Amino acid sequence: ELMRKGHDLLQLRGLLLAGAASAPLAPADPAYFEGLRDRVRKAAKDGAHG
């Protein structure tokens, strides 16, 4: 169990370092967050009727 947790932590560390080293794809401005809200609203609407 401890070895698995250690492996998981190393994997998470690698992912965090890779993410920190990558360039942002788009600015996180108000338009970005409005787009996210629109996607959530649409998914909720589609899910409520499906």
PDB file of N, CA and C in Angstrom:
ATOM      1  N   GLU A   1       0.831  -1.201   0.000  1.00  0.00           N
ATOM      2  CA  GLU A   1       0.000   0.000   0.000  1.00  0.00           C
ATOM      3  C   GLU A   1       0.872   1.259   0.000  1.00  0.00           C
ATOM      4  N   LEU A   2       1.912   1.261   0.833  1.00  0.00           N
ATOM      5  CA  LEU A   2       2.794   2.431   0.886  1.00  0.00           C
ATOM      6  C   LEU A   2       3.520   2.640  -0.433  1.00  0.00           C
ATOM      7  N   MET A   3       3.896   1.547  -1.078  1.00  0.00           N
ATOM      8  CA  MET A   3       4.592   1.676  -2.361  1.00  0.00           C
ATOM      9  C   MET A   3       3.656   2.252  -3.418  1.00  0.00           C
ATOM     10  N   ARG A   4       2.406   1.824  -3.402  1.00  0.00           N
ATOM     11  CA  ARG A   4       1.438   2.347  -4.364  1.00  0.00           C
ATOM     12  C   ARG A   4       1.222   3.840  -4.143  1.00  0.00           C
ATOM     13  N   LYS A   5       1.102   4.236  -2.876  1.00  0.00           N
ATOM     14  CA  LYS A   5       0.921   5.658  -2.579  1.00  0.00           C
ATOM     15  C   LYS A   5       2.140   6.461  -3.005  1.00  0.00           C
ATOM     16  N   GLY A   6       3.326   5.906  -2.783  1.00  0.00           N
ATOM     17  CA  GLY A   6       4.546   6.581  -3.207  1.00  0.00           C
ATOM     18  C   GLY A   6       4.590   6.740  -4.713  1.00  0.00           C
ATOM     19  N   HIS A   7       4.186   5.695  -5.418  1.00  0.00           N
ATOM     20  CA  HIS A   7       4.142   5.756  -6.885  1.00  0.00           C
ATOM     21  C   HIS A   7       3.131   6.798  -7.342  1.00  0.00           C
ATOM     22  N   ASP A   8       1.976   6.817  -6.714  1.00  0.00           N
ATOM     23  CA  ASP A   8       0.943   7.800  -7.063  1.00  0.00           C
ATOM     24  C   ASP A   8       1.444   9.227  -6.843  1.00  0.00           C
ATOM     25  N   LEU A   9       2.169   9.438  -5.739  1.00  0.00           N
ATOM     26  CA  LEU A   9       2.702  10.771  -5.462  1.00  0.00           C
ATOM     27  C   LEU A   9       3.738  11.179  -6.501  1.00  0.00           C
ATOM     28  N   LEU A  10       4.592  10.249  -6.900  1.00  0.00           N
ATOM     29  CA  LEU A  10       5.582  10.556  -7.934  1.00  0.00           C
ATOM     30  C   LEU A  10       4.904  10.871  -9.260  1.00  0.00           C
ATOM     31  N   GLN A  11       3.859  10.132  -9.579  1.00  0.00           N
ATOM     32  CA  GLN A  11       3.128  10.382 -10.820  1.00  0.00           C
ATOM     33  C   GLN A  11       2.454  11.756 -10.767  1.00  0.00           C
ATOM     34  N   LEU A  12       1.841  12.084  -9.648  1.00  0.00           N
ATOM     35  CA  LEU A  12       1.210  13.394  -9.486  1.00  0.00           C
ATOM     36  C   LEU A  12       2.250  14.505  -9.586  1.00  0.00           C
ATOM     37  N   ARG A  13       3.391  14.312  -8.962  1.00  0.00           N
ATOM     38  CA  ARG A  13       4.462  15.315  -9.020  1.00  0.00           C
ATOM     39  C   ARG A  13       4.878  15.552 -10.465  1.00  0.00           C
ATOM     40  N   GLY A  14       5.033  14.475 -11.230  1.00  0.00           N
ATOM     41  CA  GLY A  14       5.406  14.607 -12.632  1.00  0.00           C
ATOM     42  C   GLY A  14       4.367  15.373 -13.431  1.00  0.00           C
ATOM     43  N   LEU A  15       3.105  15.094 -13.184  1.00  0.00           N
ATOM     44  CA  LEU A  15       2.035  15.806 -13.885  1.00  0.00           C
ATOM     45  C   LEU A  15       2.012  17.289 -13.523  1.00  0.00           C
ATOM     46  N   LEU A  16       2.215  17.583 -12.240  1.00  0.00           N
ATOM     47  CA  LEU A  16       2.232  18.983 -11.814  1.00  0.00           C
ATOM     48  C   LEU A  16       3.399  19.737 -12.431  1.00  0.00           C
ATOM     49  N   LEU A  17       4.570  19.111 -12.468  1.00  0.00           N
ATOM     50  CA  LEU A  17       5.733  19.759 -13.068  1.00  0.00           C
ATOM     51  C   LEU A  17       5.538  19.968 -14.563  1.00  0.00           C
ATOM     52  N   ALA A  18       4.950  18.989 -15.235  1.00  0.00           N
ATOM     53  CA  ALA A  18       4.692  19.125 -16.672  1.00  0.00           C
ATOM     54  C   ALA A  18       3.700  20.255 -16.927  1.00  0.00           C
ATOM     55  N   GLY A  19       2.683  20.351 -16.110  1.00  0.00           N
ATOM     56  CA  GLY A  19       1.706  21.423 -16.268  1.00  0.00           C
ATOM     57  C   GLY A  19       2.312  22.790 -16.002  1.00  0.00           C
ATOM     58  N   ALA A  20       3.166  22.867 -14.996  1.00  0.00           N
ATOM     59  CA  ALA A  20       3.804  24.146 -14.674  1.00  0.00           C
ATOM     60  C   ALA A  20       4.744  24.598 -15.781  1.00  0.00           C
ATOM     61  N   ALA A  21       5.340  23.648 -16.491  1.00  0.00           N
ATOM     62  CA  ALA A  21       6.296  23.982 -17.549  1.00  0.00           C
ATOM     63  C   ALA A  21       5.611  24.301 -18.873  1.00  0.00           C
ATOM     64  N   SER A  22       4.337  23.969 -19.002  1.00  0.00           N
ATOM     65  CA  SER A  22       3.646  24.181 -20.273  1.00  0.00           C
ATOM     66  C   SER A  22       3.129  25.615 -20.383  1.00  0.00           C
ATOM     67  N   ALA A  23       2.982  26.044 -21.611  1.00  0.00           N
ATOM     68  CA  ALA A  23       2.457  27.387 -21.866  1.00  0.00           C
ATOM     69  C   ALA A  23       0.931  27.365 -21.782  1.00  0.00           C
ATOM     70  N   PRO A  24       0.322  28.445 -21.319  1.00  0.00           N
ATOM     71  CA  PRO A  24      -1.146  28.491 -21.285  1.00  0.00           C
ATOM     72  C   PRO A  24      -1.708  28.505 -22.706  1.00  0.00           C
ATOM     73  N   LEU A  25      -2.831  27.828 -22.891  1.00  0.00           N
ATOM     74  CA  LEU A  25      -3.459  27.775 -24.207  1.00  0.00           C
ATOM     75  C   LEU A  25      -4.291  29.014 -24.488  1.00  0.00           C
ATOM     76  N   ALA A  26      -4.927  29.538 -23.460  1.00  0.00           N
ATOM     77  CA  ALA A  26      -5.784  30.713 -23.626  1.00  0.00           C
ATOM     78  C   ALA A  26      -5.782  31.495 -22.319  1.00  0.00           C
ATOM     79  N   PRO A  27      -5.985  32.792 -22.390  1.00  0.00           N
ATOM     80  CA  PRO A  27      -6.035  33.573 -21.144  1.00  0.00           C
ATOM     81  C   PRO A  27      -7.290  33.228 -20.343  1.00  0.00           C
ATOM     82  N   ALA A  28      -7.143  33.213 -19.034  1.00  0.00           N
ATOM     83  CA  ALA A  28      -8.290  32.950 -18.158  1.00  0.00           C
ATOM     84  C   ALA A  28      -8.942  34.286 -17.810  1.00  0.00           C
ATOM     85  N   ASP A  29      -9.582  34.875 -18.815  1.00  0.00           N
ATOM     86  CA  ASP A  29     -10.226  36.171 -18.652  1.00  0.00           C
ATOM     87  C   ASP A  29     -11.732  35.973 -18.455  1.00  0.00           C
ATOM     88  N   PRO A  30     -12.477  37.037 -18.252  1.00  0.00           N
ATOM     89  CA  PRO A  30     -13.928  36.886 -18.044  1.00  0.00           C
ATOM     90  C   PRO A  30     -14.635  36.135 -19.173  1.00  0.00           C
ATOM     91  N   ALA A  31     -14.203  36.329 -20.401  1.00  0.00           N
ATOM     92  CA  ALA A  31     -14.837  35.625 -21.523  1.00  0.00           C
ATOM     93  C   ALA A  31     -14.602  34.121 -21.429  1.00  0.00           C
ATOM     94  N   TYR A  32     -13.437  33.727 -20.970  1.00  0.00           N
ATOM     95  CA  TYR A  32     -13.126  32.303 -20.799  1.00  0.00           C
ATOM     96  C   TYR A  32     -14.090  31.676 -19.793  1.00  0.00           C
ATOM     97  N   PHE A  33     -14.262  32.343 -18.650  1.00  0.00           N
ATOM     98  CA  PHE A  33     -15.140  31.791 -17.620  1.00  0.00           C
ATOM     99  C   PHE A  33     -16.604  31.827 -18.040  1.00  0.00           C
ATOM    100  N   GLU A  34     -16.996  32.814 -18.806  1.00  0.00           N
ATOM    101  CA  GLU A  34     -18.369  32.844 -19.321  1.00  0.00           C
ATOM    102  C   GLU A  34     -18.594  31.674 -20.268  1.00  0.00           C
ATOM    103  N   GLY A  35     -17.597  31.351 -21.074  1.00  0.00           N
ATOM    104  CA  GLY A  35     -17.693  30.192 -21.956  1.00  0.00           C
ATOM    105  C   GLY A  35     -17.842  28.898 -21.173  1.00  0.00           C
ATOM    106  N   LEU A  36     -17.109  28.788 -20.069  1.00  0.00           N
ATOM    107  CA  LEU A  36     -17.251  27.600 -19.217  1.00  0.00           C
ATOM    108  C   LEU A  36     -18.660  27.512 -18.636  1.00  0.00           C
ATOM    109  N   ARG A  37     -19.172  28.651 -18.176  1.00  0.00           N
ATOM    110  CA  ARG A  37     -20.538  28.651 -17.625  1.00  0.00           C
ATOM    111  C   ARG A  37     -21.558  28.246 -18.686  1.00  0.00           C
ATOM    112  N   ASP A  38     -21.373  28.730 -19.900  1.00  0.00           N
ATOM    113  CA  ASP A  38     -22.283  28.359 -20.989  1.00  0.00           C
ATOM    114  C   ASP A  38     -22.250  26.856 -21.240  1.00  0.00           C
ATOM    115  N   ARG A  39     -21.045  26.284 -21.229  1.00  0.00           N
ATOM    116  CA  ARG A  39     -20.916  24.837 -21.451  1.00  0.00           C
ATOM    117  C   ARG A  39     -21.614  24.047 -20.350  1.00  0.00           C
ATOM    118  N   VAL A  40     -21.471  24.497 -19.102  1.00  0.00           N
ATOM    119  CA  VAL A  40     -22.112  23.806 -17.983  1.00  0.00           C
ATOM    120  C   VAL A  40     -23.627  23.920 -18.086  1.00  0.00           C
ATOM    121  N   ARG A  41     -24.111  25.113 -18.416  1.00  0.00           N
ATOM    122  CA  ARG A  41     -25.561  25.295 -18.571  1.00  0.00           C
ATOM    123  C   ARG A  41     -26.118  24.388 -19.661  1.00  0.00           C
ATOM    124  N   LYS A  42     -25.405  24.329 -20.787  1.00  0.00           N
ATOM    125  CA  LYS A  42     -25.861  23.497 -21.896  1.00  0.00           C
ATOM    126  C   LYS A  42     -25.850  22.024 -21.501  1.00  0.00           C
ATOM    127  N   ALA A  43     -24.792  21.587 -20.832  1.00  0.00           N
ATOM    128  CA  ALA A  43     -24.708  20.188 -20.408  1.00  0.00           C
ATOM    129  C   ALA A  43     -25.816  19.855 -19.413  1.00  0.00           C
ATOM    130  N   ALA A  44     -26.105  20.778 -18.497  1.00  0.00           N
ATOM    131  CA  ALA A  44     -27.170  20.545 -17.518  1.00  0.00           C
ATOM    132  C   ALA A  44     -28.524  20.475 -18.210  1.00  0.00           C
ATOM    133  N   LYS A  45     -28.735  21.351 -19.175  1.00  0.00           N
ATOM    134  CA  LYS A  45     -29.996  21.365 -19.917  1.00  0.00           C
ATOM    135  C   LYS A  45     -30.154  20.080 -20.724  1.00  0.00           C
ATOM    136  N   ASP A  46     -29.107  19.673 -21.424  1.00  0.00           N
ATOM    137  CA  ASP A  46     -29.162  18.445 -22.224  1.00  0.00           C
ATOM    138  C   ASP A  46     -29.328  17.220 -21.336  1.00  0.00           C
ATOM    139  N   GLY A  47     -28.679  17.216 -20.176  1.00  0.00           N
ATOM    140  CA  GLY A  47     -28.780  16.088 -19.259  1.00  0.00           C
ATOM    141  C   GLY A  47     -30.141  15.991 -18.608  1.00  0.00           C
ATOM    142  N   ALA A  48     -30.782  17.119 -18.376  1.00  0.00           N
ATOM    143  CA  ALA A  48     -32.088  17.126 -17.720  1.00  0.00           C
ATOM    144  C   ALA A  48     -33.169  16.556 -18.625  1.00  0.00           C
ATOM    145  N   HIS A  49     -32.947  16.632 -19.932  1.00  0.00           N
ATOM    146  CA  HIS A  49     -33.956  16.154 -20.877  1.00  0.00           C
ATOM    147  C   HIS A  49     -33.610  14.788 -21.443  1.00  0.00           C
ATOM    148  N   GLY A  50     -32.431  14.233 -21.086  1.00  0.00           N
ATOM    149  CA  GLY A  50     -32.002  12.979 -21.695  1.00  0.00           C
ATOM    150  C   GLY A  50     -32.182  11.861 -20.798  1.00  0.00           C
TER     151      GLY A  50
END
